[in-house]
N, C-alpha and C. Protein backbone atom coordinates (compact mmCIF):
# COMPACT_ATOMS: atom_id res chain seq x y z
N UNK A 1 0.82 -1.20 0.00
CA UNK A 1 0.00 0.00 0.00
C UNK A 1 0.86 1.26 0.00
N UNK A 2 1.84 1.32 0.89
CA UNK A 2 2.72 2.48 0.99
C UNK A 2 3.54 2.65 -0.29
N UNK A 3 3.98 1.54 -0.87
CA UNK A 3 4.76 1.60 -2.11
C UNK A 3 3.90 2.14 -3.26
N UNK A 4 2.64 1.77 -3.31
CA UNK A 4 1.74 2.27 -4.36
C UNK A 4 1.57 3.78 -4.25
N UNK A 5 1.44 4.30 -3.05
CA UNK A 5 1.33 5.74 -2.83
C UNK A 5 2.62 6.43 -3.29
N UNK A 6 3.74 5.84 -2.93
CA UNK A 6 5.04 6.38 -3.35
C UNK A 6 5.15 6.43 -4.87
N UNK A 7 4.78 5.34 -5.56
CA UNK A 7 4.87 5.29 -7.02
C UNK A 7 3.93 6.31 -7.65
N UNK A 8 2.72 6.47 -7.13
CA UNK A 8 1.78 7.47 -7.65
C UNK A 8 2.32 8.88 -7.45
N UNK A 9 2.88 9.14 -6.28
CA UNK A 9 3.45 10.45 -5.99
C UNK A 9 4.64 10.73 -6.90
N UNK A 10 5.51 9.74 -7.07
CA UNK A 10 6.67 9.88 -7.94
C UNK A 10 6.24 10.11 -9.39
N UNK A 11 5.25 9.38 -9.85
CA UNK A 11 4.74 9.55 -11.21
C UNK A 11 4.15 10.95 -11.38
N UNK A 12 3.39 11.41 -10.40
CA UNK A 12 2.83 12.76 -10.47
C UNK A 12 3.90 13.83 -10.51
N UNK A 13 4.94 13.67 -9.69
CA UNK A 13 6.03 14.63 -9.70
C UNK A 13 6.77 14.61 -11.03
N UNK A 14 7.00 13.42 -11.57
CA UNK A 14 7.66 13.29 -12.86
C UNK A 14 6.87 14.03 -13.94
N UNK A 15 5.57 13.78 -13.99
CA UNK A 15 4.73 14.42 -15.01
C UNK A 15 4.66 15.93 -14.80
N UNK A 16 4.55 16.38 -13.56
CA UNK A 16 4.48 17.82 -13.29
C UNK A 16 5.77 18.53 -13.72
N UNK A 17 6.92 18.03 -13.25
CA UNK A 17 8.17 18.72 -13.54
C UNK A 17 8.57 18.61 -15.00
N UNK A 18 8.23 17.53 -15.66
CA UNK A 18 8.52 17.44 -17.08
C UNK A 18 7.58 18.30 -17.91
N UNK A 19 6.35 18.50 -17.43
CA UNK A 19 5.45 19.46 -18.09
C UNK A 19 6.00 20.87 -17.94
N UNK A 20 6.49 21.19 -16.75
CA UNK A 20 7.10 22.50 -16.53
C UNK A 20 8.32 22.66 -17.42
N UNK A 21 9.08 21.61 -17.57
CA UNK A 21 10.27 21.67 -18.43
C UNK A 21 9.88 21.97 -19.87
N UNK A 22 8.79 21.39 -20.33
CA UNK A 22 8.32 21.67 -21.69
C UNK A 22 8.08 23.17 -21.89
N UNK A 23 7.53 23.81 -20.88
CA UNK A 23 7.27 25.25 -20.97
C UNK A 23 8.56 26.06 -20.99
N UNK A 24 9.62 25.56 -20.37
CA UNK A 24 10.87 26.33 -20.32
C UNK A 24 11.58 26.37 -21.67
N UNK A 25 11.24 25.50 -22.58
CA UNK A 25 11.85 25.55 -23.91
C UNK A 25 11.36 26.77 -24.70
N UNK A 26 10.14 27.19 -24.45
CA UNK A 26 9.51 28.24 -25.25
C UNK A 26 10.30 29.55 -25.22
N UNK A 27 10.68 30.10 -24.05
CA UNK A 27 11.46 31.35 -24.08
C UNK A 27 12.82 31.18 -24.76
N UNK A 28 13.46 30.02 -24.59
CA UNK A 28 14.76 29.80 -25.23
C UNK A 28 14.61 29.79 -26.75
N UNK A 29 13.59 29.11 -27.24
CA UNK A 29 13.37 29.05 -28.69
C UNK A 29 12.98 30.43 -29.21
N UNK A 30 12.14 31.14 -28.48
CA UNK A 30 11.75 32.50 -28.90
C UNK A 30 12.96 33.41 -28.99
N UNK A 31 13.88 33.31 -28.02
CA UNK A 31 15.09 34.12 -28.05
C UNK A 31 15.95 33.76 -29.26
N UNK A 32 16.06 32.47 -29.56
CA UNK A 32 16.86 32.04 -30.69
C UNK A 32 16.28 32.50 -32.03
N UNK A 33 14.98 32.71 -32.07
CA UNK A 33 14.33 33.13 -33.31
C UNK A 33 14.40 34.63 -33.56
N UNK A 34 14.85 35.40 -32.56
CA UNK A 34 14.99 36.85 -32.76
C UNK A 34 16.03 37.12 -33.82
N UNK A 35 15.81 38.19 -34.57
CA UNK A 35 16.70 38.53 -35.68
C UNK A 35 18.14 38.75 -35.23
N UNK A 36 18.33 39.35 -34.07
CA UNK A 36 19.68 39.67 -33.61
C UNK A 36 20.26 38.63 -32.64
N UNK A 37 19.67 37.44 -32.59
CA UNK A 37 20.14 36.40 -31.68
C UNK A 37 21.53 35.91 -32.10
N UNK A 38 22.39 35.76 -31.13
CA UNK A 38 23.73 35.22 -31.36
C UNK A 38 23.71 33.76 -30.90
N UNK A 39 23.67 32.84 -31.84
CA UNK A 39 23.50 31.42 -31.51
C UNK A 39 24.82 30.70 -31.29
N UNK A 40 25.94 31.43 -31.37
CA UNK A 40 27.23 30.78 -31.23
C UNK A 40 27.43 30.18 -29.85
N UNK A 41 26.76 30.69 -28.84
CA UNK A 41 26.96 30.18 -27.48
C UNK A 41 26.06 28.98 -27.17
N UNK A 42 25.25 28.55 -28.11
CA UNK A 42 24.37 27.40 -27.91
C UNK A 42 24.99 26.18 -28.58
N UNK A 43 25.19 25.13 -27.82
CA UNK A 43 25.90 23.95 -28.27
C UNK A 43 24.98 22.98 -29.01
N UNK A 44 25.32 22.71 -30.27
CA UNK A 44 24.59 21.69 -31.02
C UNK A 44 24.84 20.31 -30.42
N UNK A 45 26.05 20.08 -29.92
CA UNK A 45 26.35 18.80 -29.29
C UNK A 45 25.46 18.57 -28.07
N UNK A 46 25.30 19.58 -27.23
CA UNK A 46 24.46 19.45 -26.04
C UNK A 46 23.01 19.18 -26.43
N UNK A 47 22.46 19.99 -27.31
CA UNK A 47 21.06 19.81 -27.70
C UNK A 47 20.85 18.49 -28.44
N UNK A 48 21.83 18.06 -29.22
CA UNK A 48 21.73 16.77 -29.89
C UNK A 48 21.74 15.62 -28.89
N UNK A 49 22.61 15.72 -27.89
CA UNK A 49 22.65 14.67 -26.85
C UNK A 49 21.35 14.63 -26.06
N UNK A 50 20.80 15.81 -25.72
CA UNK A 50 19.53 15.84 -24.98
C UNK A 50 18.41 15.24 -25.82
N UNK A 51 18.42 15.52 -27.13
CA UNK A 51 17.40 14.95 -28.02
C UNK A 51 17.49 13.43 -28.01
N UNK A 52 18.69 12.91 -28.21
CA UNK A 52 18.87 11.46 -28.26
C UNK A 52 18.61 10.81 -26.90
N UNK A 53 18.98 11.48 -25.83
CA UNK A 53 18.73 10.95 -24.49
C UNK A 53 17.23 10.83 -24.21
N UNK A 54 16.48 11.89 -24.52
CA UNK A 54 15.03 11.85 -24.31
C UNK A 54 14.36 10.81 -25.21
N UNK A 55 14.81 10.74 -26.45
CA UNK A 55 14.23 9.76 -27.38
C UNK A 55 14.49 8.33 -26.92
N UNK A 56 15.72 8.08 -26.47
CA UNK A 56 16.07 6.75 -25.99
C UNK A 56 15.25 6.37 -24.76
N UNK A 57 15.09 7.33 -23.85
CA UNK A 57 14.31 7.05 -22.64
C UNK A 57 12.84 6.79 -23.00
N UNK A 58 12.30 7.57 -23.93
CA UNK A 58 10.92 7.35 -24.35
C UNK A 58 10.76 5.95 -24.95
N UNK A 59 11.70 5.55 -25.79
CA UNK A 59 11.64 4.21 -26.38
C UNK A 59 11.81 3.12 -25.34
N UNK A 60 12.65 3.38 -24.33
CA UNK A 60 12.82 2.40 -23.25
C UNK A 60 11.52 2.24 -22.46
N UNK A 61 10.84 3.35 -22.20
CA UNK A 61 9.55 3.30 -21.51
C UNK A 61 8.52 2.52 -22.33
N UNK A 62 8.53 2.76 -23.63
CA UNK A 62 7.60 2.05 -24.51
C UNK A 62 7.89 0.55 -24.49
N UNK A 63 9.16 0.21 -24.52
CA UNK A 63 9.56 -1.20 -24.49
C UNK A 63 9.14 -1.86 -23.17
N UNK A 64 9.36 -1.17 -22.06
CA UNK A 64 9.00 -1.73 -20.76
C UNK A 64 7.49 -1.91 -20.60
N UNK A 65 6.72 -1.13 -21.35
CA UNK A 65 5.26 -1.23 -21.30
C UNK A 65 4.72 -2.11 -22.42
N UNK A 66 5.59 -2.94 -22.99
CA UNK A 66 5.20 -3.90 -24.04
C UNK A 66 4.53 -3.21 -25.23
N UNK A 67 5.08 -2.06 -25.60
CA UNK A 67 4.59 -1.34 -26.78
C UNK A 67 3.37 -0.48 -26.54
N UNK A 68 2.95 -0.35 -25.30
CA UNK A 68 1.78 0.47 -24.99
C UNK A 68 2.26 1.81 -24.44
N UNK A 69 2.02 2.90 -25.18
CA UNK A 69 2.49 4.21 -24.71
C UNK A 69 1.68 4.68 -23.49
N UNK A 70 2.41 5.17 -22.49
CA UNK A 70 1.75 5.72 -21.31
C UNK A 70 2.09 7.21 -21.20
N UNK A 71 1.67 7.85 -20.12
CA UNK A 71 1.90 9.28 -19.96
C UNK A 71 3.38 9.62 -19.92
N UNK A 72 4.18 8.79 -19.29
CA UNK A 72 5.62 9.06 -19.24
C UNK A 72 6.26 8.98 -20.62
N UNK A 73 5.81 8.03 -21.43
CA UNK A 73 6.30 7.94 -22.80
C UNK A 73 5.99 9.22 -23.57
N UNK A 74 4.75 9.67 -23.50
CA UNK A 74 4.35 10.88 -24.23
C UNK A 74 5.10 12.11 -23.73
N UNK A 75 5.37 12.16 -22.43
CA UNK A 75 6.11 13.29 -21.87
C UNK A 75 7.54 13.30 -22.41
N UNK A 76 8.19 12.16 -22.42
CA UNK A 76 9.55 12.10 -22.96
C UNK A 76 9.57 12.32 -24.47
N UNK A 77 8.55 11.85 -25.15
CA UNK A 77 8.44 12.14 -26.58
C UNK A 77 8.30 13.63 -26.83
N UNK A 78 7.54 14.30 -26.00
CA UNK A 78 7.37 15.76 -26.13
C UNK A 78 8.68 16.48 -25.85
N UNK A 79 9.40 16.06 -24.83
CA UNK A 79 10.70 16.65 -24.54
C UNK A 79 11.67 16.41 -25.70
N UNK A 80 11.60 15.23 -26.30
CA UNK A 80 12.44 14.94 -27.46
C UNK A 80 12.14 15.92 -28.59
N UNK A 81 10.88 16.15 -28.86
CA UNK A 81 10.51 17.08 -29.93
C UNK A 81 10.96 18.50 -29.65
N UNK A 82 10.86 18.95 -28.40
CA UNK A 82 11.29 20.30 -28.06
C UNK A 82 12.81 20.45 -28.18
N UNK A 83 13.54 19.43 -27.77
CA UNK A 83 14.99 19.46 -27.93
C UNK A 83 15.37 19.45 -29.42
N UNK A 84 14.67 18.64 -30.20
CA UNK A 84 14.92 18.59 -31.63
C UNK A 84 14.59 19.93 -32.30
N UNK A 85 13.51 20.55 -31.87
CA UNK A 85 13.16 21.87 -32.41
C UNK A 85 14.24 22.89 -32.08
N UNK A 86 14.71 22.90 -30.85
CA UNK A 86 15.76 23.82 -30.45
C UNK A 86 17.04 23.56 -31.24
N UNK A 87 17.42 22.30 -31.38
CA UNK A 87 18.58 21.92 -32.18
C UNK A 87 18.44 22.43 -33.61
N UNK A 88 17.26 22.25 -34.19
CA UNK A 88 17.01 22.66 -35.57
C UNK A 88 17.08 24.17 -35.74
N UNK A 89 16.55 24.91 -34.78
CA UNK A 89 16.60 26.38 -34.85
C UNK A 89 18.05 26.85 -34.78
N UNK A 90 18.84 26.29 -33.86
CA UNK A 90 20.24 26.68 -33.74
C UNK A 90 20.99 26.37 -35.04
N UNK A 91 20.77 25.18 -35.58
CA UNK A 91 21.43 24.79 -36.82
C UNK A 91 21.05 25.73 -37.97
N UNK A 92 19.77 26.04 -38.10
CA UNK A 92 19.33 26.94 -39.17
C UNK A 92 19.93 28.34 -39.01
N UNK A 93 19.94 28.84 -37.78
CA UNK A 93 20.49 30.18 -37.54
C UNK A 93 22.00 30.22 -37.80
N UNK A 94 22.70 29.14 -37.47
CA UNK A 94 24.14 29.10 -37.75
C UNK A 94 24.40 29.08 -39.25
N UNK A 95 23.56 28.38 -39.98
CA UNK A 95 23.70 28.38 -41.44
C UNK A 95 23.46 29.77 -42.01
N UNK A 96 22.48 30.49 -41.45
CA UNK A 96 22.24 31.87 -41.88
C UNK A 96 23.45 32.74 -41.59
N UNK A 97 24.05 32.57 -40.42
CA UNK A 97 25.23 33.37 -40.07
C UNK A 97 26.40 33.03 -40.99
N UNK A 98 26.59 31.75 -41.29
CA UNK A 98 27.69 31.36 -42.19
C UNK A 98 27.48 31.96 -43.58
N UNK A 99 26.23 31.97 -44.04
CA UNK A 99 25.95 32.57 -45.34
C UNK A 99 26.26 34.06 -45.32
N UNK A 100 25.92 34.73 -44.23
CA UNK A 100 26.23 36.16 -44.10
C UNK A 100 27.74 36.37 -44.05
N UNK A 101 28.46 35.49 -43.34
CA UNK A 101 29.92 35.61 -43.27
C UNK A 101 30.54 35.40 -44.65
N UNK A 102 30.03 34.42 -45.38
CA UNK A 102 30.56 34.15 -46.71
C UNK A 102 30.32 35.33 -47.64
N UNK A 103 29.13 35.89 -47.59
CA UNK A 103 28.83 37.05 -48.42
C UNK A 103 29.71 38.23 -48.04
N UNK A 104 29.95 38.40 -46.76
CA UNK A 104 30.79 39.49 -46.28
C UNK A 104 32.23 39.28 -46.70
N UNK A 105 32.70 38.04 -46.64
CA UNK A 105 34.08 37.73 -46.99
C UNK A 105 34.34 38.00 -48.47
N UNK A 106 33.34 37.82 -49.30
CA UNK A 106 33.50 38.06 -50.73
C UNK A 106 33.57 39.55 -51.06
N UNK A 107 33.04 40.40 -50.19
CA UNK A 107 33.00 41.83 -50.48
C UNK A 107 33.97 42.64 -49.64
N UNK A 108 34.72 42.01 -48.73
CA UNK A 108 35.64 42.76 -47.88
C UNK A 108 36.99 42.07 -47.83
N UNK A 109 37.96 42.79 -47.30
CA UNK A 109 39.29 42.21 -47.22
C UNK A 109 39.59 41.63 -45.85
N UNK A 110 38.78 41.89 -44.85
CA UNK A 110 39.04 41.40 -43.50
C UNK A 110 37.96 40.45 -43.04
N UNK A 111 38.16 39.82 -41.89
CA UNK A 111 37.14 38.92 -41.35
C UNK A 111 35.91 39.69 -40.90
N UNK A 112 34.76 39.06 -40.92
CA UNK A 112 33.54 39.77 -40.51
C UNK A 112 33.54 40.04 -39.01
N UNK A 113 32.81 41.05 -38.63
CA UNK A 113 32.56 41.35 -37.22
C UNK A 113 31.41 40.45 -36.82
N UNK A 114 31.70 39.37 -36.06
CA UNK A 114 30.70 38.36 -35.75
C UNK A 114 29.51 38.93 -34.99
N UNK A 115 29.76 39.83 -34.07
CA UNK A 115 28.66 40.44 -33.32
C UNK A 115 27.77 41.25 -34.25
N UNK A 116 28.38 41.97 -35.19
CA UNK A 116 27.59 42.75 -36.13
C UNK A 116 26.78 41.84 -37.05
N UNK A 117 27.38 40.74 -37.47
CA UNK A 117 26.65 39.78 -38.32
C UNK A 117 25.46 39.23 -37.56
N UNK A 118 25.66 38.92 -36.28
CA UNK A 118 24.56 38.39 -35.46
C UNK A 118 23.44 39.41 -35.34
N UNK A 119 23.78 40.70 -35.41
CA UNK A 119 22.78 41.76 -35.30
C UNK A 119 22.29 42.22 -36.66
N UNK A 120 22.67 41.49 -37.71
CA UNK A 120 22.18 41.82 -39.05
C UNK A 120 22.94 42.94 -39.72
N UNK A 121 24.10 43.31 -39.20
CA UNK A 121 24.90 44.38 -39.79
C UNK A 121 26.10 43.77 -40.50
N UNK A 122 26.68 44.51 -41.43
CA UNK A 122 27.93 44.09 -42.05
C UNK A 122 28.92 45.23 -41.93
N UNK A 123 30.16 44.90 -41.59
CA UNK A 123 31.16 45.94 -41.39
C UNK A 123 32.40 45.73 -42.22
N UNK A 124 32.82 44.50 -42.38
CA UNK A 124 34.02 44.25 -43.15
C UNK A 124 35.29 44.18 -42.32
N UNK A 125 35.24 44.64 -41.08
CA UNK A 125 36.43 44.59 -40.23
C UNK A 125 36.04 44.11 -38.85
N UNK A 126 36.96 43.46 -38.21
CA UNK A 126 36.74 43.02 -36.83
C UNK A 126 36.79 44.24 -35.92
N UNK A 127 36.08 44.21 -34.81
CA UNK A 127 36.09 45.35 -33.91
C UNK A 127 37.44 45.52 -33.24
N UNK A 128 37.73 46.76 -32.84
CA UNK A 128 38.97 47.04 -32.14
C UNK A 128 38.95 46.34 -30.79
N UNK A 129 40.06 45.86 -30.37
CA UNK A 129 40.14 45.19 -29.09
C UNK A 129 41.57 44.89 -28.77
N UNK A 130 41.81 44.35 -27.60
CA UNK A 130 43.19 44.03 -27.24
C UNK A 130 43.73 42.94 -28.15
N UNK A 131 45.05 42.88 -28.33
CA UNK A 131 45.63 41.81 -29.15
C UNK A 131 45.19 40.44 -28.66
N UNK A 132 45.00 39.54 -29.57
CA UNK A 132 44.62 38.16 -29.29
C UNK A 132 43.26 38.05 -28.59
N UNK A 133 42.37 39.01 -28.78
CA UNK A 133 41.05 38.89 -28.18
C UNK A 133 40.21 37.97 -29.05
N UNK A 134 39.30 37.24 -28.43
CA UNK A 134 38.42 36.34 -29.17
C UNK A 134 37.18 37.09 -29.59
N UNK A 135 36.90 37.00 -30.86
CA UNK A 135 35.69 37.59 -31.40
C UNK A 135 34.96 36.49 -32.12
N UNK A 136 34.01 35.88 -31.44
CA UNK A 136 33.25 34.80 -32.06
C UNK A 136 34.11 33.57 -32.24
N UNK A 137 34.19 33.08 -33.47
CA UNK A 137 34.86 31.83 -33.73
C UNK A 137 36.30 31.99 -34.19
N UNK A 138 36.74 33.23 -34.42
CA UNK A 138 38.08 33.46 -34.94
C UNK A 138 38.88 34.34 -33.99
N UNK A 139 40.16 34.05 -33.85
CA UNK A 139 41.03 34.90 -33.03
C UNK A 139 41.40 36.10 -33.87
N UNK A 140 41.28 37.28 -33.30
CA UNK A 140 41.60 38.51 -34.01
C UNK A 140 42.82 39.12 -33.36
N UNK A 141 43.83 39.35 -34.15
CA UNK A 141 45.05 39.94 -33.63
C UNK A 141 45.15 41.36 -34.20
N UNK A 142 45.30 42.32 -33.33
CA UNK A 142 45.36 43.72 -33.76
C UNK A 142 46.71 44.00 -34.36
N UNK A 143 46.72 44.43 -35.63
CA UNK A 143 47.97 44.72 -36.33
C UNK A 143 48.26 46.21 -36.29
N UNK A 144 47.25 47.01 -36.60
CA UNK A 144 47.45 48.43 -36.52
C UNK A 144 46.61 48.99 -35.37
N UNK A 145 46.73 50.24 -35.08
CA UNK A 145 46.05 50.84 -33.94
C UNK A 145 44.56 50.98 -34.10
N UNK A 146 44.01 50.64 -35.26
CA UNK A 146 42.59 50.81 -35.51
C UNK A 146 41.80 49.51 -35.41
N UNK A 147 42.42 48.45 -34.98
CA UNK A 147 41.70 47.19 -34.80
C UNK A 147 41.54 46.38 -36.05
N UNK A 148 42.23 46.76 -37.11
CA UNK A 148 42.14 45.98 -38.36
C UNK A 148 43.24 44.94 -38.39
N UNK A 149 42.93 43.86 -39.06
CA UNK A 149 43.94 42.80 -39.19
C UNK A 149 44.58 42.86 -40.55
């Protein structure tokens, strides 16, 4: 009797907190969809692992229930879809940024300003900063006093 109460309570907590987790994806995805979002700090490896982890757990639950989906299966399936959506948004935004960088590289002599590209601007030169400062994905070394390489 006591074990049944424990299992019901545990199941309820699992469903509640995983439902809350589903809602927490929404602001992250909304932020990633903003025009000036900088997606470089979001790891495709992390989101890919979370997607596969949730999918594997959902399939394990389905297997343990002899192919009959239960609430926990659907919850993990939903988390899988939200992780996959986030992964897809990051991947699409990175491709957009790479296309902007490529277009910028064809029209300028210096590396693009990654922050400006993320904000939809094009400059043609990296921003001024201390020598060996990191700007996005490329190391920028200041050659002259104006921050150009």
